[in-house]
Protein backbone atom coordinates (compact mmCIF):
# COMPACT_ATOMS: atom_id res chain seq x y z
CA MET A 1 51.80 218.30 203.27
CA SER A 2 50.19 214.86 203.68
CA ASP A 3 47.31 214.13 206.05
CA HIS A 4 47.35 210.63 207.56
CA PHE A 5 44.33 208.64 208.76
CA ASP A 6 43.86 205.20 210.22
CA VAL A 7 41.08 204.55 207.70
CA LEU A 8 39.96 206.31 204.55
CA ILE A 9 36.48 205.55 203.19
CA ILE A 10 35.77 206.39 199.56
CA GLY A 11 32.17 207.44 198.94
CA ALA A 12 29.49 209.16 201.03
CA GLY A 13 26.50 207.23 199.74
CA LEU A 14 24.43 204.59 201.49
CA SER A 15 27.43 202.26 201.86
CA GLY A 16 30.02 204.86 202.83
CA ILE A 17 27.91 206.39 205.59
CA GLY A 18 27.09 202.90 206.87
CA ALA A 19 30.80 202.02 206.92
CA ALA A 20 31.66 205.22 208.79
CA TRP A 21 28.93 204.48 211.35
CA ARG A 22 30.29 200.98 211.97
CA LEU A 23 33.86 202.32 212.21
CA ARG A 24 33.06 204.99 214.79
CA GLU A 25 31.00 202.44 216.75
CA ALA A 26 33.83 199.88 216.82
CA PHE A 27 36.80 202.26 217.08
CA PRO A 28 35.90 205.65 218.54
CA ALA A 29 39.59 206.62 218.73
CA LYS A 30 40.54 205.78 215.14
CA THR A 31 41.03 208.68 212.77
CA TYR A 32 39.12 208.55 209.52
CA ALA A 33 37.82 210.62 206.64
CA VAL A 34 35.17 209.99 204.01
CA LEU A 35 36.21 211.10 200.53
CA GLU A 36 33.25 212.11 198.37
CA ALA A 37 33.81 213.16 194.75
CA ARG A 38 30.56 215.11 194.56
CA GLU A 39 29.38 218.01 196.71
CA ALA A 40 26.63 216.19 198.57
CA ILE A 41 25.87 213.10 200.65
CA GLY A 42 23.72 210.39 199.12
CA GLY A 43 25.60 208.69 196.29
CA THR A 44 23.09 207.07 193.93
CA TRP A 45 20.23 208.81 195.67
CA ASP A 46 21.73 212.24 195.10
CA LEU A 47 22.91 211.56 191.54
CA PHE A 48 19.66 210.24 190.06
CA ARG A 49 16.95 212.90 189.85
CA TYR A 50 14.64 211.57 187.15
CA PRO A 51 10.83 211.57 187.74
CA GLY A 52 9.66 208.91 190.16
CA VAL A 53 13.15 207.76 191.19
CA ARG A 54 12.71 205.36 194.09
CA SER A 55 14.03 202.22 195.73
CA ASP A 56 13.25 198.88 194.14
CA SER A 57 13.94 197.17 197.46
CA ASP A 58 11.80 197.60 200.55
CA MET A 59 13.17 200.19 202.96
CA PHE A 60 13.08 197.87 205.96
CA THR A 61 15.94 195.93 204.38
CA LEU A 62 17.54 198.79 202.43
CA SER A 63 17.77 200.99 205.54
CA TYR A 64 20.48 200.60 208.16
CA PRO A 65 19.82 197.97 210.86
CA PHE A 66 21.08 200.44 213.47
CA ARG A 67 18.68 203.24 212.44
CA PRO A 68 15.01 202.26 211.90
CA TRP A 69 13.11 203.37 208.83
CA THR A 70 10.08 205.24 210.18
CA ASP A 71 8.47 206.62 207.02
CA THR A 72 5.19 205.14 205.81
CA GLN A 73 6.59 204.35 202.35
CA SER A 74 8.04 200.87 202.00
CA LEU A 75 9.26 201.56 198.46
CA ALA A 76 10.58 205.06 199.10
CA SER A 77 11.23 208.01 196.82
CA GLY A 78 14.78 209.07 196.10
CA ASP A 79 14.52 212.32 198.05
CA LYS A 80 13.37 210.47 201.17
CA ILE A 81 16.26 208.03 200.94
CA ARG A 82 18.70 210.89 200.42
CA ALA A 83 17.33 212.68 203.48
CA TYR A 84 17.58 209.47 205.52
CA ILE A 85 21.27 209.05 204.64
CA GLN A 86 21.97 212.71 205.40
CA GLU A 87 20.19 212.54 208.75
CA THR A 88 22.12 209.38 209.67
CA ALA A 89 25.43 211.09 208.94
CA ASP A 90 24.45 214.26 210.83
CA GLU A 91 23.19 212.44 213.92
CA ALA A 92 26.32 210.28 214.16
CA GLY A 93 28.71 213.18 213.68
CA ILE A 94 29.98 211.68 210.42
CA THR A 95 29.28 214.71 208.25
CA ARG A 96 32.18 216.70 209.66
CA HIS A 97 34.53 213.90 208.59
CA ILE A 98 33.45 214.08 204.94
CA ARG A 99 35.65 215.85 202.39
CA PHE A 100 33.44 216.91 199.51
CA GLY A 101 34.79 217.44 196.01
CA ALA A 102 37.45 214.85 196.83
CA LYS A 103 37.58 212.60 193.78
CA VAL A 104 40.12 209.83 194.28
CA ALA A 105 42.34 209.37 191.22
CA SER A 106 44.82 206.78 192.46
CA ALA A 107 45.91 204.74 195.46
CA ASP A 108 49.37 203.20 195.82
CA TRP A 109 50.36 200.79 198.59
CA SER A 110 53.86 201.05 200.01
CA SER A 111 55.13 197.81 201.54
CA ARG A 112 58.04 199.69 203.09
CA GLU A 113 55.77 202.13 204.91
CA SER A 114 52.74 199.82 205.30
CA ARG A 115 50.36 202.51 204.14
CA TRP A 116 48.30 203.73 201.22
CA THR A 117 49.06 206.99 199.45
CA VAL A 118 45.82 208.32 198.04
CA ARG A 119 45.94 211.05 195.40
CA LEU A 120 42.92 213.17 194.62
CA ALA A 121 42.08 214.64 191.24
CA ASP A 122 43.01 218.13 192.50
CA GLY A 123 46.51 216.97 193.42
CA THR A 124 45.92 216.60 197.16
CA THR A 125 47.72 213.65 198.76
CA LEU A 126 46.45 211.69 201.78
CA THR A 127 47.76 208.54 203.45
CA CYS A 128 46.05 205.83 205.47
CA GLY A 129 46.64 202.46 207.04
CA PHE A 130 43.46 200.91 205.59
CA LEU A 131 41.45 201.89 202.53
CA TYR A 132 37.76 201.02 202.17
CA ALA A 133 36.09 201.70 198.81
CA CYS A 134 32.33 202.19 199.20
CA THR A 135 31.80 203.43 195.67
CA GLY A 136 29.25 200.93 194.40
CA TYR A 137 29.85 199.32 191.04
CA TYR A 138 28.95 201.84 188.36
CA SER A 139 30.42 205.00 186.87
CA TYR A 140 28.98 208.30 188.05
CA ASP A 141 30.53 210.06 185.07
CA ALA A 142 28.90 208.08 182.26
CA GLY A 143 25.94 205.79 181.71
CA TYR A 144 25.74 203.14 179.05
CA GLN A 145 24.68 204.69 175.75
CA PRO A 146 24.31 202.52 172.62
CA ASP A 147 25.47 203.91 169.29
CA PHE A 148 22.03 204.48 167.76
CA PRO A 149 22.04 204.69 163.93
CA GLY A 150 20.76 207.97 162.53
CA LEU A 151 20.80 209.75 165.86
CA GLU A 152 22.25 212.90 164.30
CA SER A 153 19.06 213.31 162.26
CA TYR A 154 16.72 213.24 165.26
CA ALA A 155 15.03 216.62 165.85
CA GLY A 156 13.86 215.99 169.40
CA GLN A 157 15.66 215.61 172.74
CA LEU A 158 17.65 212.53 173.73
CA ILE A 159 18.18 212.16 177.48
CA HIS A 160 19.97 209.62 179.66
CA PRO A 161 18.26 209.26 183.08
CA GLN A 162 21.61 209.47 184.88
CA PHE A 163 21.91 213.09 183.74
CA TRP A 164 18.34 214.32 183.96
CA PRO A 165 17.90 218.03 183.08
CA ALA A 166 16.32 219.86 186.02
CA ASP A 167 14.32 222.09 183.65
CA LEU A 168 12.94 219.38 181.35
CA ASP A 169 9.28 220.04 180.52
CA TYR A 170 7.57 216.92 179.17
CA ARG A 171 3.98 218.08 179.68
CA GLY A 172 1.93 217.27 176.59
CA LYS A 173 4.93 215.72 174.86
CA ARG A 174 5.23 212.35 173.16
CA VAL A 175 7.85 210.38 175.08
CA VAL A 176 9.62 207.13 174.22
CA VAL A 177 11.57 205.37 176.97
CA ILE A 178 14.09 202.89 175.58
CA GLY A 179 14.60 200.00 177.96
CA SER A 180 12.62 197.73 180.26
CA GLY A 181 14.70 197.64 183.42
CA ALA A 182 14.14 199.25 186.80
CA THR A 183 14.69 202.80 185.51
CA ALA A 184 12.30 202.41 182.59
CA VAL A 185 9.48 200.88 184.63
CA THR A 186 9.87 203.73 187.11
CA LEU A 187 9.93 206.52 184.51
CA VAL A 188 6.93 205.42 182.46
CA PRO A 189 4.24 205.61 185.19
CA ALA A 190 5.83 208.73 186.69
CA MET A 191 5.72 210.66 183.38
CA ALA A 192 2.51 209.26 181.86
CA PRO A 193 0.00 211.44 183.78
CA GLU A 194 1.49 214.67 182.35
CA ALA A 195 2.92 213.57 178.99
CA ALA A 196 0.78 213.25 175.88
CA HIS A 197 1.73 209.58 175.82
CA VAL A 198 4.67 207.47 177.04
CA THR A 199 5.86 204.42 175.14
CA MET A 200 8.23 201.91 176.68
CA LEU A 201 10.28 200.49 173.81
CA GLN A 202 11.94 197.22 174.72
CA ARG A 203 14.04 194.81 172.73
CA SER A 204 12.74 191.95 174.86
CA PRO A 205 10.44 191.61 177.91
CA THR A 206 11.53 191.79 181.54
CA TYR A 207 10.00 190.07 184.57
CA LEU A 208 8.01 192.42 186.78
CA THR A 209 6.48 191.97 190.19
CA SER A 210 3.98 194.28 191.85
CA LEU A 211 4.40 195.13 195.53
CA PRO A 212 2.29 197.41 197.78
CA ARG A 213 3.57 200.93 198.35
CA ARG A 214 3.05 200.45 202.07
CA ASP A 215 3.87 197.43 204.21
CA VAL A 216 0.69 196.67 206.15
CA VAL A 217 2.49 194.26 208.48
CA ALA A 218 5.08 196.91 209.33
CA ASP A 219 2.32 199.47 209.91
CA ALA A 220 0.58 197.08 212.31
CA LEU A 221 3.84 196.34 214.15
CA ARG A 222 4.52 200.05 214.61
CA ARG A 223 1.17 200.53 216.28
CA VAL A 224 2.04 198.10 219.07
CA LEU A 225 5.85 198.15 219.29
CA PRO A 226 8.63 200.73 219.60
CA ALA A 227 10.41 201.70 216.39
CA LYS A 228 13.46 199.44 216.67
CA PRO A 229 11.75 196.10 217.36
CA ALA A 230 8.98 196.90 214.87
CA ASN A 231 11.58 197.67 212.22
CA ALA A 232 13.57 194.53 213.06
CA LEU A 233 10.51 192.29 212.72
CA ALA A 234 9.44 193.91 209.44
CA ARG A 235 13.00 193.52 208.21
CA ALA A 236 13.10 189.83 209.15
CA LYS A 237 9.75 189.19 207.49
CA ASN A 238 10.85 190.83 204.23
CA ILE A 239 14.20 189.03 204.22
CA LEU A 240 12.48 185.66 204.58
CA LEU A 241 9.97 186.47 201.84
CA THR A 242 12.49 187.80 199.31
CA GLN A 243 15.07 185.10 199.93
CA GLY A 244 12.42 182.41 199.84
CA PHE A 245 11.06 183.74 196.55
CA TYR A 246 14.56 183.90 195.05
CA GLN A 247 15.34 180.30 196.06
CA LEU A 248 12.00 179.16 194.65
CA ALA A 249 12.77 180.96 191.37
CA ARG A 250 16.13 179.21 191.05
CA ARG A 251 14.74 175.77 191.93
CA ARG A 252 11.29 175.97 190.34
CA PRO A 253 11.54 178.58 187.58
CA GLN A 254 8.46 177.38 185.71
CA ARG A 255 6.32 177.75 188.80
CA VAL A 256 7.55 181.30 189.38
CA ARG A 257 7.01 182.11 185.69
CA LYS A 258 3.34 181.20 186.14
CA VAL A 259 3.04 183.30 189.31
CA LEU A 260 4.52 186.38 187.63
CA ARG A 261 2.39 185.91 184.53
CA THR A 262 -0.74 185.64 186.66
CA MET A 263 0.15 188.90 188.41
CA ALA A 264 0.67 190.63 185.06
CA VAL A 265 -2.62 189.33 183.64
CA ARG A 266 -4.42 190.50 186.76
CA GLY A 267 -2.82 193.94 186.46
CA LEU A 268 -3.38 194.40 182.72
CA GLY A 269 -6.52 192.34 182.13
CA ASP A 270 -5.25 191.20 178.72
CA GLU A 271 -3.55 187.82 178.32
CA ALA A 272 -2.47 188.47 174.74
CA TYR A 273 -0.81 191.76 175.73
CA VAL A 274 1.02 190.04 178.57
CA ASP A 275 2.26 187.23 176.33
CA GLU A 276 3.50 189.74 173.74
CA HIS A 277 5.22 192.23 176.06
CA PHE A 278 5.68 190.63 179.49
CA LYS A 279 6.85 187.09 178.75
CA PRO A 280 10.67 186.99 178.95
CA ARG A 281 12.76 184.30 177.26
CA TYR A 282 15.00 183.82 180.31
CA ASP A 283 14.16 182.34 183.71
CA PRO A 284 13.23 184.54 186.70
CA TRP A 285 16.30 185.97 188.45
CA ASP A 286 18.67 185.25 185.57
CA GLN A 287 18.33 189.02 185.56
CA ARG A 288 17.27 191.25 188.43
CA LEU A 289 13.52 191.27 189.02
CA CYS A 290 11.91 194.69 188.56
CA VAL A 291 9.40 195.96 191.12
CA ILE A 292 6.41 198.15 190.28
CA PRO A 293 4.77 199.74 193.36
CA GLY A 294 1.06 199.11 193.49
CA GLY A 295 1.09 197.97 189.87
CA ASP A 296 1.48 201.60 188.72
CA LEU A 297 2.88 200.68 185.30
CA TYR A 298 -0.06 198.38 184.63
CA GLU A 299 -2.48 201.12 185.71
CA GLU A 300 -1.05 203.62 183.22
CA ILE A 301 -1.16 201.09 180.39
CA ARG A 302 -4.78 200.20 181.14
CA ALA A 303 -5.66 203.88 181.25
CA GLY A 304 -4.18 204.37 177.78
CA ARG A 305 -1.59 206.91 178.92
CA ALA A 306 1.27 204.47 178.38
CA SER A 307 2.02 201.52 176.15
CA VAL A 308 4.71 198.95 175.47
CA VAL A 309 6.31 198.16 172.12
CA THR A 310 8.56 195.12 171.75
CA ASP A 311 10.79 195.61 168.73
CA ARG A 312 14.31 196.51 167.67
CA ILE A 313 15.55 199.95 166.67
CA GLU A 314 16.50 200.23 163.00
CA SER A 315 17.44 203.91 163.19
CA PHE A 316 16.49 207.29 164.50
CA VAL A 317 14.63 209.58 162.08
CA PRO A 318 13.83 213.29 162.46
CA SER A 319 10.44 212.60 164.04
CA GLY A 320 11.42 209.71 166.28
CA ILE A 321 12.50 206.07 165.94
CA ARG A 322 12.04 203.69 163.02
CA LEU A 323 11.69 200.09 164.20
CA ALA A 324 12.77 196.87 162.52
CA SER A 325 9.10 196.22 161.78
CA GLY A 326 8.98 199.44 159.74
CA LYS A 327 6.82 201.30 162.23
CA VAL A 328 7.91 204.79 163.28
CA LEU A 329 7.45 205.85 166.91
CA GLU A 330 6.87 209.59 166.92
CA ALA A 331 8.71 211.18 169.83
CA ASP A 332 9.37 214.70 171.06
CA ILE A 333 11.60 213.25 173.78
CA VAL A 334 13.52 209.97 173.80
CA ILE A 335 14.88 208.70 177.11
CA SER A 336 17.70 206.20 176.81
CA ALA A 337 17.17 204.07 179.92
CA THR A 338 19.72 201.63 178.56
CA GLY A 339 21.62 200.86 181.73
CA LEU A 340 24.70 201.63 183.73
CA LYS A 341 28.37 201.61 182.84
CA LEU A 342 29.95 199.39 185.48
CA LEU A 343 33.20 200.44 187.10
CA PRO A 344 35.00 198.73 190.01
CA ILE A 345 36.25 200.73 193.02
CA GLY A 346 35.05 204.01 191.53
CA GLY A 347 37.60 203.87 188.73
CA VAL A 348 40.50 204.43 191.13
CA ASP A 349 43.90 203.42 189.72
CA VAL A 350 45.20 200.95 192.31
CA SER A 351 48.85 199.92 192.54
CA VAL A 352 51.07 198.03 194.95
CA ASP A 353 54.63 199.30 195.25
CA GLY A 354 54.19 201.08 191.96
CA GLU A 355 52.88 198.04 190.07
CA PRO A 356 49.35 198.57 188.67
CA VAL A 357 46.70 196.19 189.97
CA LYS A 358 44.50 194.75 187.22
CA ILE A 359 41.35 194.18 189.24
CA GLY A 360 39.81 191.86 186.67
CA GLU A 361 42.72 189.46 187.08
CA ARG A 362 42.34 189.21 190.87
CA ALA A 363 40.27 186.80 192.94
CA ALA A 364 37.57 188.12 195.24
CA TYR A 365 38.22 187.31 198.90
CA ARG A 366 34.85 186.98 200.67
CA GLY A 367 33.52 189.35 198.03
CA LEU A 368 35.17 192.31 199.76
CA MET A 369 38.96 192.15 199.30
CA LEU A 370 41.36 191.42 196.43
CA SER A 371 43.94 188.66 196.27
CA GLY A 372 47.45 190.00 196.79
CA VAL A 373 46.31 193.53 197.66
CA PRO A 374 47.01 194.57 201.29
CA ASN A 375 44.66 196.53 203.55
CA LEU A 376 42.08 197.27 200.87
CA ALA A 377 38.38 196.40 201.04
CA TYR A 378 35.51 197.24 198.74
CA CYS A 379 31.75 197.09 199.24
CA ILE A 380 29.31 195.48 196.82
CA GLY A 381 25.78 194.48 197.80
CA TYR A 382 23.57 191.60 196.76
CA VAL A 383 22.06 191.32 193.30
CA ASN A 384 19.04 189.39 194.58
CA ALA A 385 18.24 191.39 197.73
CA SER A 386 18.68 194.83 199.25
CA TRP A 387 22.13 196.31 198.78
CA THR A 388 22.47 197.21 202.45
CA LEU A 389 22.07 193.65 203.70
CA ARG A 390 25.39 192.59 202.25
CA ALA A 391 27.00 196.01 202.64
CA ASP A 392 26.46 195.96 206.39
CA LEU A 393 27.85 192.42 206.66
CA SER A 394 30.93 193.65 204.79
CA HIS A 395 31.32 196.64 207.12
CA ARG A 396 31.13 194.43 210.18
CA TYR A 397 33.63 191.97 208.72
CA VAL A 398 36.11 194.77 208.02
CA MET A 399 35.72 195.94 211.63
CA ARG A 400 36.44 192.38 212.87
CA LEU A 401 39.56 192.26 210.70
CA LEU A 402 40.78 195.61 212.01
CA ARG A 403 40.10 194.53 215.59
CA HIS A 404 42.10 191.33 215.09
CA MET A 405 45.00 193.34 213.69
CA ASP A 406 44.94 195.78 216.61
CA ARG A 407 44.84 193.02 219.22
CA HIS A 408 47.81 191.20 217.73
CA GLY A 409 49.93 194.20 216.79
CA LEU A 410 49.52 193.61 213.07
CA ALA A 411 49.84 196.31 210.45
CA VAL A 412 49.16 194.48 207.20
CA ALA A 413 46.56 191.94 206.05
CA THR A 414 46.84 190.50 202.55
CA PRO A 415 44.47 187.87 201.13
CA THR A 416 46.48 185.00 199.67
CA SER A 417 44.80 183.44 196.68
CA PRO A 418 44.76 179.63 196.40
CA GLY A 419 45.09 180.04 192.64
CA GLY A 420 42.55 179.77 189.87
CA THR A 421 39.36 181.75 189.37
CA GLY A 422 35.83 180.67 188.67
CA ARG A 423 32.53 182.45 188.14
CA PRO A 424 32.20 186.22 187.74
CA LEU A 425 31.74 188.30 190.88
CA LEU A 426 28.39 189.60 189.58
CA ASP A 427 26.58 186.51 188.34
CA LEU A 428 23.76 187.94 186.23
CA SER A 429 22.98 187.68 182.52
CA SER A 430 21.92 191.35 182.31
CA GLY A 431 23.61 193.26 179.50
CA TYR A 432 25.12 195.91 181.75
CA VAL A 433 26.79 193.17 183.81
CA GLN A 434 27.99 191.11 180.85
CA ARG A 435 29.62 194.16 179.23
CA ALA A 436 31.89 194.65 182.25
CA LEU A 437 32.76 191.13 183.42
CA ASP A 438 36.47 191.55 182.68
CA LEU A 439 36.70 194.64 184.88
CA PHE A 440 35.71 192.92 188.12
CA PRO A 441 37.47 190.28 190.23
CA ARG A 442 36.31 186.72 189.84
CA GLN A 443 35.31 184.16 192.39
CA GLY A 444 37.53 181.25 193.32
CA GLU A 445 36.71 177.57 193.62
CA ARG A 446 36.12 177.35 197.37
CA ALA A 447 35.43 179.43 200.46
CA PRO A 448 36.47 182.10 201.28
CA TRP A 449 36.83 182.86 197.57
CA ILE A 450 33.22 182.31 196.57
CA VAL A 451 30.45 184.89 196.84
CA ARG A 452 27.02 183.59 197.73
CA GLN A 453 23.80 185.40 196.96
CA ASN A 454 22.20 184.07 200.13
CA TYR A 455 21.77 186.50 203.00
CA LEU A 456 20.24 183.92 205.34
CA ARG A 457 23.40 181.86 205.07
CA ASP A 458 25.77 184.82 205.11
CA VAL A 459 24.23 186.43 208.19
CA ILE A 460 25.07 183.25 210.14
CA THR A 461 28.51 182.50 208.68
CA THR A 462 30.07 185.93 208.03
CA PRO A 463 30.11 187.19 211.65
CA ARG A 464 31.83 183.93 212.65
CA ALA A 465 34.17 183.66 209.68
CA ASP A 466 37.86 183.14 210.44
CA VAL A 467 39.59 186.42 209.54
CA THR A 468 42.94 184.63 209.40
CA ARG A 469 41.96 182.06 206.78
CA ASP A 470 43.94 182.54 203.53
CA MET A 471 45.26 185.80 204.96
CA THR A 472 48.91 186.76 205.40
CA PHE A 473 49.71 189.22 208.18
CA GLN A 474 52.71 191.39 208.95
CA GLU A 475 53.49 192.95 212.29
CA ALA A 476 53.67 196.67 212.85
CA SER A 477 57.21 197.95 212.67
């Protein structure tokens, strides 16, 4: 027996719950379900359980605009974010619409029936008029793991942060964290106080910026204003600051290099150490900028509980890692914080009338639909700002499209590509992005086939964008 819904949302993480909230707000009478492969709400914030896991965006922009963030932490811990998402779903009555353990294996569009047939891994079949994938852009089943030479000889533990053992005891142990991205700079200061020593082993330096754990402006606003306007003002302030800094980095990279170096020297008190381990070869924002709350990584390095080594791995040895320089890093535990394995639309096999859709060969329509694929949207956030900023714009655009279809008696909306593709959808030089470029749709040469990384522009243009532009519609039969 097949259950039919007006809308099916894939994923019960930050994006999926936000999409469900916008759907029930815009269309109280529409039937919907949220399909969640795991057994809990939260997505990323339920999956990752490593020490210190937290947001690297401020919570005034990462939280939902319709539900103020009231906690004192601006850069919040993973458990607080998970609780926030859960509470949002419970309060809005969304939780009862979630089907847990519902991993979507495939989705096939039928032009004859104007509907999607969605098959779950357990064999269950559902149908819907519109499918919205809020699955993020990485695989929950596997992280990126390099093929380290000599790994079979290593006598200690090798752990990937995506699959952190709940019973791992690292007290008094020598720990090496491979990597220098957001996960690594979170793990090192979180583990250093209890470990014997934590070494961050990086192939090359990454740009870091230190931000306060609490937002003093937001705290002051809360003392004189109700929660919603205080949150809105703090949100606006942080958007202007982050977008302004990003634009400055792209236009005046040398100036921003100097600012970031000055912050690092102030935090570490050692110019030579900064130039050896915190002076990247690329320009700021060629890769995502890593945030360290209150300079915690610098504090642990200055205290001698943590250190940074910039070198390449030659091979693992029984006692640890031999570097290209010949030095051996002794390690009881090695943590491979080597990045994500990117995966579009949660790895769902998409087809139209039985013909497989090769997502990497499609053009990205407004960064949320695929050329030639009817009634399918996907949600991907910004790479230079909080995920939710773009996610919520996408949700609201999808609601506008659905409203237009309802008003005009339309059943099908298919983006019609003008032909030709340009830059990648995710325009970063980071290794984890470069490894997966062919899997994702590409941008076109003009609007609405280009994806800007500019929230200030998008927040003005997206709500007014013409939903009929480069879109083919079919009436309901």
